[in-house]
Amino acid sequence: MVGSTLPVVFAAKVMDMRKLARRNKEGRSRTERE
């Protein structure tokens, strides 16, 4: 069971990292405009 759940947790972390990266990019572009 543990071995089968590891890939799922890893995928979830990768998705979170992508969301955070996208949010950081948006935040930077917003501050640069102002």
C-alpha atoms as a PDB file:
ATOM      1  CA  MET A   1       0.000   0.000   0.000  1.00  0.00           C
ATOM      2  CA  VAL A   2       2.736   2.472   0.950  1.00  0.00           C
ATOM      3  CA  GLY A   3       4.621   1.916  -2.309  1.00  0.00           C
ATOM      4  CA  SER A   4       1.487   2.568  -4.378  1.00  0.00           C
ATOM      5  CA  THR A   5       0.578   5.788  -2.540  1.00  0.00           C
ATOM      6  CA  LEU A   6       4.043   7.367  -2.840  1.00  0.00           C
ATOM      7  CA  PRO A   7       3.690   8.294  -6.564  1.00  0.00           C
ATOM      8  CA  VAL A   8       0.324   9.915  -5.843  1.00  0.00           C
ATOM      9  CA  VAL A   9       1.759  12.085  -3.069  1.00  0.00           C
ATOM     10  CA  PHE A  10       4.735  12.994  -5.264  1.00  0.00           C
ATOM     11  CA  ALA A  11       2.431  14.005  -8.133  1.00  0.00           C
ATOM     12  CA  ALA A  12       0.371  16.153  -5.759  1.00  0.00           C
ATOM     13  CA  LYS A  13       3.531  17.912  -4.562  1.00  0.00           C
ATOM     14  CA  VAL A  14       4.621  18.567  -8.150  1.00  0.00           C
ATOM     15  CA  MET A  15       1.219  20.087  -8.936  1.00  0.00           C
ATOM     16  CA  ASP A  16       1.453  22.319  -5.858  1.00  0.00           C
ATOM     17  CA  MET A  17       4.932  23.465  -6.919  1.00  0.00           C
ATOM     18  CA  ARG A  18       3.614  24.397 -10.383  1.00  0.00           C
ATOM     19  CA  LYS A  19       0.733  26.362  -8.840  1.00  0.00           C
ATOM     20  CA  LEU A  20       3.122  28.221  -6.522  1.00  0.00           C
ATOM     21  CA  ALA A  21       5.510  28.962  -9.401  1.00  0.00           C
ATOM     22  CA  ARG A  22       2.657  30.351 -11.506  1.00  0.00           C
ATOM     23  CA  ARG A  23       1.471  32.480  -8.577  1.00  0.00           C
ATOM     24  CA  ASN A  24       4.998  33.841  -8.028  1.00  0.00           C
ATOM     25  CA  LYS A  25       5.281  34.801 -11.715  1.00  0.00           C
ATOM     26  CA  GLU A  26       1.931  36.628 -11.581  1.00  0.00           C
ATOM     27  CA  GLY A  27       2.981  38.443  -8.407  1.00  0.00           C
ATOM     28  CA  ARG A  28       6.262  39.577  -9.979  1.00  0.00           C
ATOM     29  CA  SER A  29       4.589  40.894 -13.150  1.00  0.00           C
ATOM     30  CA  ARG A  30       2.056  42.768 -11.029  1.00  0.00           C
ATOM     31  CA  THR A  31       4.719  44.493  -8.904  1.00  0.00           C
ATOM     32  CA  GLU A  32       6.781  45.364 -11.989  1.00  0.00           C
ATOM     33  CA  ARG A  33       3.807  47.108 -13.633  1.00  0.00           C
ATOM     34  CA  GLU A  34       3.221  49.247 -10.544  1.00  0.00           C
END
